[in-house]
C-alpha atoms as a PDB file:
ATOM      1  CA  MET A   1      13.759  -5.500  -0.854  1.00  0.00           C
ATOM      2  CA  VAL A   2      12.587  -8.736  -2.395  1.00  0.00           C
ATOM      3  CA  LEU A   3      11.745  -7.049  -5.697  1.00  0.00           C
ATOM      4  CA  ASP A   4      15.412  -6.348  -6.427  1.00  0.00           C
ATOM      5  CA  ARG A   5      17.098  -8.790  -8.800  1.00  0.00           C
ATOM      6  CA  ASP A   6      19.773  -9.811  -6.283  1.00  0.00           C
ATOM      7  CA  ALA A   7      17.433 -10.028  -3.276  1.00  0.00           C
ATOM      8  CA  ARG A   8      18.242 -12.708  -0.743  1.00  0.00           C
ATOM      9  CA  ARG A   9      15.895 -15.009   1.101  1.00  0.00           C
ATOM     10  CA  VAL A  10      14.368 -14.086   4.417  1.00  0.00           C
ATOM     11  CA  GLN A  11      15.417 -16.837   6.792  1.00  0.00           C
ATOM     12  CA  SER A  12      14.221 -15.839  10.229  1.00  0.00           C
ATOM     13  CA  VAL A  13      12.673 -13.225  12.438  1.00  0.00           C
ATOM     14  CA  SER A  14      15.527 -11.653  14.359  1.00  0.00           C
ATOM     15  CA  LEU A  15      13.966  -8.869  16.397  1.00  0.00           C
ATOM     16  CA  LEU A  16      10.612  -7.372  17.198  1.00  0.00           C
ATOM     17  CA  LYS A  17      10.374  -3.718  18.087  1.00  0.00           C
ATOM     18  CA  VAL A  18       7.153  -2.751  19.819  1.00  0.00           C
ATOM     19  CA  GLY A  19       6.665   0.925  20.532  1.00  0.00           C
ATOM     20  CA  HIS A  20       3.985   2.674  22.489  1.00  0.00           C
ATOM     21  CA  GLY A  21       1.143   2.281  20.031  1.00  0.00           C
ATOM     22  CA  SER A  22       2.693   3.990  17.027  1.00  0.00           C
ATOM     23  CA  ASP A  23       6.049   2.396  16.215  1.00  0.00           C
ATOM     24  CA  LEU A  24       5.501  -1.277  15.540  1.00  0.00           C
ATOM     25  CA  SER A  25       7.991  -2.887  13.210  1.00  0.00           C
ATOM     26  CA  ILE A  26       9.787  -6.145  12.705  1.00  0.00           C
ATOM     27  CA  LEU A  27      13.343  -6.853  11.602  1.00  0.00           C
ATOM     28  CA  LEU A  28      13.905  -9.821   9.315  1.00  0.00           C
ATOM     29  CA  ALA A  29      17.324 -11.455   9.169  1.00  0.00           C
ATOM     30  CA  ILE A  30      18.504 -12.019   5.604  1.00  0.00           C
ATOM     31  CA  ASP A  31      20.658 -15.109   5.031  1.00  0.00           C
ATOM     32  CA  ALA A  32      21.964 -14.780   8.591  1.00  0.00           C
ATOM     33  CA  ALA A  33      23.851 -11.706   7.407  1.00  0.00           C
ATOM     34  CA  PRO A  34      24.262  -8.498   9.412  1.00  0.00           C
ATOM     35  CA  ALA A  35      21.926  -6.647   7.050  1.00  0.00           C
ATOM     36  CA  HIS A  36      18.262  -6.488   7.940  1.00  0.00           C
ATOM     37  CA  TYR A  37      15.085  -5.396   6.263  1.00  0.00           C
ATOM     38  CA  LYS A  38      12.807  -3.383   8.499  1.00  0.00           C
ATOM     39  CA  THR A  39       9.131  -4.038   7.961  1.00  0.00           C
ATOM     40  CA  PRO A  40       7.052  -1.207   9.435  1.00  0.00           C
ATOM     41  CA  MET A  41       3.489  -1.648  10.511  1.00  0.00           C
ATOM     42  CA  ILE A  42       1.309   0.118   7.981  1.00  0.00           C
ATOM     43  CA  ARG A  43      -1.294   2.518   9.351  1.00  0.00           C
ATOM     44  CA  ALA A  44      -4.387   4.134   7.871  1.00  0.00           C
ATOM     45  CA  ASN A  45      -2.832   7.567   8.281  1.00  0.00           C
ATOM     46  CA  CYS A  46      -2.143   9.187   4.906  1.00  0.00           C
ATOM     47  CA  ARG A  47      -4.749  11.895   5.510  1.00  0.00           C
ATOM     48  CA  ALA A  48      -3.156  12.739   8.852  1.00  0.00           C
ATOM     49  CA  ARG A  49       0.201  13.261   7.129  1.00  0.00           C
ATOM     50  CA  PHE A  50      -0.785  15.643   4.346  1.00  0.00           C
ATOM     51  CA  THR A  51       1.621  18.542   4.018  1.00  0.00           C
ATOM     52  CA  ALA A  52       1.165  22.284   3.578  1.00  0.00           C
ATOM     53  CA  ALA A  53       2.063  21.784  -0.086  1.00  0.00           C
ATOM     54  CA  ASP A  54      -0.741  19.245  -0.436  1.00  0.00           C
ATOM     55  CA  PHE A  55      -3.359  21.644   0.934  1.00  0.00           C
ATOM     56  CA  ASP A  56      -1.978  24.408  -1.274  1.00  0.00           C
ATOM     57  CA  PHE A  57      -2.347  22.095  -4.284  1.00  0.00           C
ATOM     58  CA  ILE A  58      -6.004  21.451  -3.368  1.00  0.00           C
ATOM     59  CA  VAL A  59      -6.801  25.138  -2.961  1.00  0.00           C
ATOM     60  CA  ARG A  60      -5.067  26.138  -6.202  1.00  0.00           C
ATOM     61  CA  THR A  61      -6.603  23.294  -8.210  1.00  0.00           C
ATOM     62  CA  LEU A  62     -10.161  23.965  -7.111  1.00  0.00           C
ATOM     63  CA  ALA A  63      -9.775  27.750  -7.327  1.00  0.00           C
ATOM     64  CA  ARG A  64      -9.920  27.428 -11.120  1.00  0.00           C
ATOM     65  CA  SER A  65     -13.671  26.913 -10.801  1.00  0.00           C
ATOM     66  CA  GLN A  66     -15.691  29.465  -8.871  1.00  0.00           C
ATOM     67  CA  THR A  67     -18.235  26.849  -7.812  1.00  0.00           C
ATOM     68  CA  ASP A  68     -15.569  24.442  -6.486  1.00  0.00           C
ATOM     69  CA  GLN A  69     -13.459  26.891  -4.501  1.00  0.00           C
ATOM     70  CA  VAL A  70     -12.528  25.853  -0.970  1.00  0.00           C
ATOM     71  CA  SER A  71     -10.734  27.754   1.767  1.00  0.00           C
ATOM     72  CA  LEU A  72      -7.591  26.550   3.488  1.00  0.00           C
ATOM     73  CA  VAL A  73      -9.250  27.207   6.839  1.00  0.00           C
ATOM     74  CA  ASP A  74     -12.084  24.806   6.014  1.00  0.00           C
ATOM     75  CA  LEU A  75      -9.647  22.118   4.894  1.00  0.00           C
ATOM     76  CA  LEU A  76      -7.641  22.344   8.090  1.00  0.00           C
ATOM     77  CA  SER A  77     -10.507  22.731  10.561  1.00  0.00           C
ATOM     78  CA  ASP A  78     -13.314  20.565   9.169  1.00  0.00           C
ATOM     79  CA  LEU A  79     -12.514  16.896   8.557  1.00  0.00           C
ATOM     80  CA  GLU A  80     -15.796  16.255   6.770  1.00  0.00           C
ATOM     81  CA  THR A  81     -15.085  19.099   4.361  1.00  0.00           C
ATOM     82  CA  ARG A  82     -11.584  17.774   3.797  1.00  0.00           C
ATOM     83  CA  ASP A  83     -12.803  14.258   3.053  1.00  0.00           C
ATOM     84  CA  SER A  84     -15.495  15.524   0.721  1.00  0.00           C
ATOM     85  CA  VAL A  85     -13.051  17.752  -1.162  1.00  0.00           C
ATOM     86  CA  LEU A  86     -10.554  14.901  -1.525  1.00  0.00           C
ATOM     87  CA  ASP A  87     -13.150  13.049  -3.615  1.00  0.00           C
ATOM     88  CA  HIS A  88     -13.274  15.854  -6.196  1.00  0.00           C
ATOM     89  CA  PRO A  89     -12.428  14.547  -9.700  1.00  0.00           C
ATOM     90  CA  ARG A  90     -10.495  17.739 -10.473  1.00  0.00           C
ATOM     91  CA  LEU A  91      -7.756  16.575  -8.106  1.00  0.00           C
ATOM     92  CA  VAL A  92      -7.313  13.304  -9.997  1.00  0.00           C
ATOM     93  CA  ASP A  93      -7.226  15.155 -13.319  1.00  0.00           C
ATOM     94  CA  ALA A  94      -4.725  17.689 -12.005  1.00  0.00           C
ATOM     95  CA  ILE A  95      -2.381  14.943 -10.805  1.00  0.00           C
ATOM     96  CA  LEU A  96      -2.595  12.841 -13.972  1.00  0.00           C
ATOM     97  CA  ASN A  97      -2.409  15.711 -16.454  1.00  0.00           C
ATOM     98  CA  HIS A  98       0.362  17.671 -14.778  1.00  0.00           C
ATOM     99  CA  CYS A  99       3.597  17.766 -16.739  1.00  0.00           C
ATOM    100  CA  GLY A 100       6.826  17.978 -14.790  1.00  0.00           C
ATOM    101  CA  HIS A 101       7.349  18.192 -11.058  1.00  0.00           C
ATOM    102  CA  LEU A 102       4.332  17.848  -8.777  1.00  0.00           C
ATOM    103  CA  ARG A 103       4.788  19.601  -5.461  1.00  0.00           C
ATOM    104  CA  ILE A 104       2.735  17.143  -3.456  1.00  0.00           C
ATOM    105  CA  SER A 105       3.631  14.403  -1.013  1.00  0.00           C
ATOM    106  CA  SER A 106       3.623  10.726  -1.905  1.00  0.00           C
ATOM    107  CA  GLN A 107       0.930  10.066   0.705  1.00  0.00           C
ATOM    108  CA  PHE A 108      -1.371  12.615  -0.946  1.00  0.00           C
ATOM    109  CA  TYR A 109      -0.607  11.254  -4.417  1.00  0.00           C
ATOM    110  CA  PHE A 110      -1.441   7.665  -3.486  1.00  0.00           C
ATOM    111  CA  TYR A 111      -4.495   8.579  -1.407  1.00  0.00           C
ATOM    112  CA  VAL A 112      -6.163  10.569  -4.187  1.00  0.00           C
ATOM    113  CA  LEU A 113      -5.504   7.919  -6.832  1.00  0.00           C
ATOM    114  CA  ALA A 114      -6.357   4.975  -4.574  1.00  0.00           C
ATOM    115  CA  ARG A 115      -9.575   6.661  -3.493  1.00  0.00           C
ATOM    116  CA  HIS A 116     -10.483   7.203  -7.140  1.00  0.00           C
ATOM    117  CA  VAL A 117     -10.081   3.564  -8.234  1.00  0.00           C
ATOM    118  CA  LEU A 118     -11.562   2.100  -5.054  1.00  0.00           C
ATOM    119  CA  GLN A 119     -14.690   4.220  -5.410  1.00  0.00           C
ATOM    120  CA  GLN A 120     -14.997   3.115  -9.010  1.00  0.00           C
ATOM    121  CA  GLY A 121     -14.808  -0.455  -7.723  1.00  0.00           C
ATOM    122  CA  GLY A 122     -17.656   0.141  -5.282  1.00  0.00           C
ATOM    123  CA  ILE A 123     -15.451   0.492  -2.177  1.00  0.00           C
ATOM    124  CA  GLY A 124     -16.338   3.669  -0.319  1.00  0.00           C
ATOM    125  CA  ASP A 125     -14.688   3.087   3.063  1.00  0.00           C
ATOM    126  CA  ARG A 126     -12.292   6.027   3.525  1.00  0.00           C
ATOM    127  CA  LYS A 127     -10.349   4.362   6.324  1.00  0.00           C
ATOM    128  CA  LEU A 128      -9.709   1.287   4.206  1.00  0.00           C
ATOM    129  CA  CYS A 129      -8.665   3.569   1.349  1.00  0.00           C
ATOM    130  CA  ASP A 130      -6.310   5.400   3.698  1.00  0.00           C
ATOM    131  CA  TYR A 131      -4.709   2.069   4.613  1.00  0.00           C
ATOM    132  CA  ILE A 132      -4.324   1.072   0.961  1.00  0.00           C
ATOM    133  CA  ALA A 133      -2.698   4.420   0.184  1.00  0.00           C
ATOM    134  CA  SER A 134      -0.228   3.920   3.050  1.00  0.00           C
ATOM    135  CA  LEU A 135       0.466   0.400   1.765  1.00  0.00           C
ATOM    136  CA  LEU A 136       1.209   1.720  -1.722  1.00  0.00           C
ATOM    137  CA  GLU A 137       3.404   4.474  -0.344  1.00  0.00           C
ATOM    138  CA  THR A 138       5.398   2.056   1.819  1.00  0.00           C
ATOM    139  CA  PHE A 139       5.922  -0.623  -0.822  1.00  0.00           C
ATOM    140  CA  SER A 140       6.593   1.808  -3.662  1.00  0.00           C
ATOM    141  CA  ARG A 141       9.414   3.361  -1.658  1.00  0.00           C
ATOM    142  CA  ALA A 142      10.931  -0.083  -1.100  1.00  0.00           C
ATOM    143  CA  SER A 143      10.515  -1.436  -4.615  1.00  0.00           C
ATOM    144  CA  ARG A 144      10.729   1.843  -6.550  1.00  0.00           C
ATOM    145  CA  LEU A 145       7.847   0.392  -8.574  1.00  0.00           C
ATOM    146  CA  GLN A 146      10.299  -1.494 -10.762  1.00  0.00           C
ATOM    147  CA  ILE A 147       9.970  -5.096 -11.868  1.00  0.00           C
ATOM    148  CA  SER A 148      12.632  -7.575 -12.939  1.00  0.00           C
ATOM    149  CA  ASP A 149      12.578 -11.032 -14.490  1.00  0.00           C
ATOM    150  CA  ASP A 150      12.962 -12.523 -11.013  1.00  0.00           C
ATOM    151  CA  THR A 151      10.185 -10.580  -9.331  1.00  0.00           C
ATOM    152  CA  HIS A 152       7.552 -13.305  -9.372  1.00  0.00           C
ATOM    153  CA  HIS A 153       9.903 -16.094  -8.255  1.00  0.00           C
ATOM    154  CA  LEU A 154      11.303 -13.938  -5.468  1.00  0.00           C
ATOM    155  CA  ALA A 155       7.830 -12.934  -4.334  1.00  0.00           C
ATOM    156  CA  GLU A 156       6.771 -16.569  -4.115  1.00  0.00           C
ATOM    157  CA  GLN A 157       9.943 -17.483  -2.208  1.00  0.00           C
ATOM    158  CA  TYR A 158       9.594 -14.458   0.066  1.00  0.00           C
ATOM    159  CA  ILE A 159       6.055 -15.411   1.089  1.00  0.00           C
ATOM    160  CA  SER A 160       7.137 -19.009   1.667  1.00  0.00           C
ATOM    161  CA  ASP A 161       9.986 -17.875   3.924  1.00  0.00           C
ATOM    162  CA  MET A 162       7.666 -15.581   5.852  1.00  0.00           C
ATOM    163  CA  LEU A 163       5.214 -18.430   6.417  1.00  0.00           C
ATOM    164  CA  ILE A 164       8.061 -20.636   7.649  1.00  0.00           C
ATOM    165  CA  ALA A 165       9.200 -17.863  10.005  1.00  0.00           C
ATOM    166  CA  LEU A 166       5.755 -17.967  11.630  1.00  0.00           C
ATOM    167  CA  THR A 167       6.538 -21.334  13.208  1.00  0.00           C
ATOM    168  CA  GLY A 168       8.992 -19.759  15.649  1.00  0.00           C
ATOM    169  CA  ALA A 169       7.300 -16.395  16.099  1.00  0.00           C
ATOM    170  CA  THR A 170       5.770 -14.945  19.243  1.00  0.00           C
ATOM    171  CA  PRO A 171       2.111 -13.838  19.026  1.00  0.00           C
ATOM    172  CA  GLU A 172       3.207 -10.238  18.443  1.00  0.00           C
ATOM    173  CA  GLN A 173       5.711 -11.267  15.790  1.00  0.00           C
ATOM    174  CA  ALA A 174       3.080 -13.471  14.154  1.00  0.00           C
ATOM    175  CA  PHE A 175       0.711 -10.503  13.955  1.00  0.00           C
ATOM    176  CA  LEU A 176       3.278  -8.327  12.172  1.00  0.00           C
ATOM    177  CA  LEU A 177       4.362 -11.156   9.886  1.00  0.00           C
ATOM    178  CA  ARG A 178       0.802 -12.044   8.877  1.00  0.00           C
ATOM    179  CA  ALA A 179      -0.127  -8.406   8.302  1.00  0.00           C
ATOM    180  CA  HIS A 180       2.963  -8.042   6.131  1.00  0.00           C
ATOM    181  CA  ILE A 181       2.125 -11.212   4.180  1.00  0.00           C
ATOM    182  CA  GLY A 182      -1.373  -9.901   3.531  1.00  0.00           C
ATOM    183  CA  ASN A 183      -0.050  -6.505   2.467  1.00  0.00           C
ATOM    184  CA  TYR A 184       2.643  -7.990   0.270  1.00  0.00           C
ATOM    185  CA  SER A 185       0.229 -10.387  -1.424  1.00  0.00           C
ATOM    186  CA  LEU A 186      -2.124  -7.505  -2.172  1.00  0.00           C
ATOM    187  CA  PHE A 187       0.668  -5.328  -3.547  1.00  0.00           C
ATOM    188  CA  ILE A 188       2.072  -8.051  -5.831  1.00  0.00           C
ATOM    189  CA  SER A 189      -1.313  -9.208  -7.148  1.00  0.00           C
ATOM    190  CA  GLY A 190      -2.618  -5.639  -7.411  1.00  0.00           C
ATOM    191  CA  ILE A 191       0.273  -3.687  -8.907  1.00  0.00           C
ATOM    192  CA  PHE A 192       2.329  -6.420 -10.589  1.00  0.00           C
ATOM    193  CA  HIS A 193      -0.516  -8.634 -11.803  1.00  0.00           C
ATOM    194  CA  PRO A 194       0.727  -8.833 -15.439  1.00  0.00           C
ATOM    195  CA  ALA A 195       3.963 -10.407 -14.200  1.00  0.00           C
ATOM    196  CA  VAL A 196       2.025 -12.939 -12.139  1.00  0.00           C
ATOM    197  CA  ALA A 197       0.047 -14.007 -15.209  1.00  0.00           C
ATOM    198  CA  GLU A 198       3.157 -14.129 -17.387  1.00  0.00           C
ATOM    199  CA  GLN A 199       5.186 -16.192 -14.951  1.00  0.00           C
ATOM    200  CA  ARG A 200       2.241 -18.512 -14.450  1.00  0.00           C
ATOM    201  CA  SER A 201       2.181 -19.092 -18.203  1.00  0.00           C
ATOM    202  CA  LEU A 202       5.944 -19.416 -18.709  1.00  0.00           C
ATOM    203  CA  ARG A 203       7.094 -21.162 -15.556  1.00  0.00           C
ATOM    204  CA  GLY A 204       3.996 -22.621 -13.969  1.00  0.00           C
ATOM    205  CA  GLY A 205       4.236 -20.378 -10.924  1.00  0.00           C
ATOM    206  CA  PRO A 206       1.375 -19.502  -8.563  1.00  0.00           C
ATOM    207  CA  ASP A 207      -1.548 -17.694 -10.106  1.00  0.00           C
ATOM    208  CA  ILE A 208      -3.486 -14.679  -8.892  1.00  0.00           C
ATOM    209  CA  GLU A 209      -5.772 -16.938  -6.846  1.00  0.00           C
ATOM    210  CA  PHE A 210      -2.734 -18.069  -4.809  1.00  0.00           C
ATOM    211  CA  TYR A 211      -2.006 -14.499  -3.736  1.00  0.00           C
ATOM    212  CA  GLU A 212      -5.684 -13.824  -3.107  1.00  0.00           C
ATOM    213  CA  GLN A 213      -6.001 -16.866  -0.858  1.00  0.00           C
ATOM    214  CA  VAL A 214      -2.791 -16.142   1.055  1.00  0.00           C
ATOM    215  CA  GLY A 215      -3.656 -12.476   1.467  1.00  0.00           C
ATOM    216  CA  ARG A 216      -7.282 -13.046   2.459  1.00  0.00           C
ATOM    217  CA  THR A 217      -6.383 -15.770   4.986  1.00  0.00           C
ATOM    218  CA  ASN A 218      -3.732 -13.699   6.720  1.00  0.00           C
ATOM    219  CA  TYR A 219      -5.914 -10.598   6.878  1.00  0.00           C
ATOM    220  CA  GLN A 220      -8.655 -12.726   8.465  1.00  0.00           C
ATOM    221  CA  LEU A 221      -6.225 -14.018  11.091  1.00  0.00           C
ATOM    222  CA  VAL A 222      -4.874 -10.600  12.095  1.00  0.00           C
ATOM    223  CA  ALA A 223      -8.309  -8.949  12.188  1.00  0.00           C
ATOM    224  CA  SER A 224      -9.110 -10.604  15.526  1.00  0.00           C
ATOM    225  CA  HIS A 225      -5.689  -9.947  17.094  1.00  0.00           C
ATOM    226  CA  SER A 226      -5.447  -7.663  20.116  1.00  0.00           C
ATOM    227  CA  VAL A 227      -2.804  -5.534  18.391  1.00  0.00           C
ATOM    228  CA  ALA A 228      -5.227  -4.850  15.529  1.00  0.00           C
ATOM    229  CA  ARG A 229      -7.866  -3.707  17.996  1.00  0.00           C
ATOM    230  CA  ARG A 230      -5.377  -1.578  19.914  1.00  0.00           C
ATOM    231  CA  CYS A 231      -4.243   0.083  16.694  1.00  0.00           C
ATOM    232  CA  GLN A 232      -7.841   0.434  15.487  1.00  0.00           C
ATOM    233  CA  LEU A 233      -7.139  -1.653  12.387  1.00  0.00           C
ATOM    234  CA  ASP A 234      -9.403  -4.631  13.085  1.00  0.00           C
ATOM    235  CA  ASP A 235     -12.160  -3.208  10.877  1.00  0.00           C
ATOM    236  CA  VAL A 236      -9.646  -2.479   8.094  1.00  0.00           C
ATOM    237  CA  PHE A 237      -8.294  -6.040   8.141  1.00  0.00           C
ATOM    238  CA  GLU A 238     -11.825  -7.436   8.185  1.00  0.00           C
ATOM    239  CA  GLY A 239     -12.693  -5.306   5.169  1.00  0.00           C
ATOM    240  CA  LEU A 240      -9.576  -6.392   3.305  1.00  0.00           C
ATOM    241  CA  ALA A 241     -10.279 -10.051   4.047  1.00  0.00           C
ATOM    242  CA  ASP A 242     -13.886  -9.735   2.895  1.00  0.00           C
ATOM    243  CA  ARG A 243     -13.136  -7.706  -0.233  1.00  0.00           C
ATOM    244  CA  PHE A 244      -9.597  -8.738  -1.109  1.00  0.00           C
ATOM    245  CA  ARG A 245     -10.492  -9.506  -4.712  1.00  0.00           C
ATOM    246  CA  ASP A 246     -12.392  -6.229  -5.177  1.00  0.00           C
ATOM    247  CA  VAL A 247      -9.470  -4.236  -3.782  1.00  0.00           C
ATOM    248  CA  ARG A 248      -7.034  -6.216  -5.918  1.00  0.00           C
ATOM    249  CA  LEU A 249      -9.056  -5.484  -9.057  1.00  0.00           C
ATOM    250  CA  ALA A 250      -9.131  -1.776  -8.185  1.00  0.00           C
ATOM    251  CA  LEU A 251      -5.341  -1.816  -7.824  1.00  0.00           C
ATOM    252  CA  ASN A 252      -5.129  -3.575 -11.191  1.00  0.00           C
ATOM    253  CA  GLN A 253      -6.928  -0.567 -12.657  1.00  0.00           C
ATOM    254  CA  LEU A 254      -4.579   1.780 -10.836  1.00  0.00           C
ATOM    255  CA  SER A 255      -1.558  -0.056 -12.218  1.00  0.00           C
ATOM    256  CA  ASP A 256      -2.929  -0.379 -15.759  1.00  0.00           C
ATOM    257  CA  ARG A 257      -4.398   3.086 -16.273  1.00  0.00           C
ATOM    258  CA  LEU A 258      -2.909   5.546 -13.805  1.00  0.00           C
ATOM    259  CA  LEU A 259       0.597   4.458 -12.836  1.00  0.00           C
ATOM    260  CA  ASN A 260       3.506   4.334 -15.254  1.00  0.00           C
ATOM    261  CA  LEU A 261       5.827   1.590 -14.023  1.00  0.00           C
ATOM    262  CA  ASP A 262       8.211   1.415 -16.959  1.00  0.00           C
ATOM    263  CA  ASP A 263       9.866   4.797 -17.372  1.00  0.00           C
ATOM    264  CA  ASP A 264      10.181   8.285 -15.980  1.00  0.00           C
ATOM    265  CA  ALA A 265       7.060   9.640 -17.639  1.00  0.00           C
ATOM    266  CA  ARG A 266       5.129   9.559 -14.378  1.00  0.00           C
ATOM    267  CA  PRO A 267       5.218  12.950 -12.648  1.00  0.00           C
ATOM    268  CA  SER A 268       7.893  13.270  -9.997  1.00  0.00           C
ATOM    269  CA  LEU A 269       6.842  14.106  -6.466  1.00  0.00           C
ATOM    270  CA  SER A 270       8.166  16.218  -3.636  1.00  0.00           C
ATOM    271  CA  LEU A 271       8.944  13.411  -1.193  1.00  0.00           C
END
């Protein structure tokens, strides 16, 4: 992944894999070497991938208050009840104040926290929140939420290489590349924003506005693509293009107040 200190440059698009609606990904050749980095297409599907342990966590957490109790049957059978319950502040508190091992999935962890900060930022769209949670889950697995001295330079170079790769891409490849550029720009400017500011000050690198412009532009371009409509993501990309800065600021709050990026103090998850 580009966030590793010894990451290499992405030179070209080597292969596009298009599945039947659910398995879109692109392989990027790295320095013409045999190794590849697989870039999956991110979906707004965290809520659809909650585990039995996640629902058990909800039931047990809310059972502590007689007025907030919810049944497992309601959670599994009524989507409106599930969505309403997921907004309960007790879930956020339980995640943040738990010491030790949390028996919840990463998709549940990121959805609850992302939903919390996005709502605080005035963004109530659950589908967009679901997409952001999937984005955080995907990129956190790749980067391990660690930052090195080279992160900002590599991020800038990575985006530049991706933009160059667009010149020889098919329309389908261009869609996946632009979606990835938008996602990557949002992740870097949202989660690693202190590094962006520091590198801007020390080395004259791109500022936050660079990532906002790149991310917003590429989300706008993919929103009208047929693949976005087929995957029912056109409205998500439109929302991200329109409110890129608001989403970025919400992720800044997530990074600053709720995520611990520097040590092992953050609760471990059952992945």
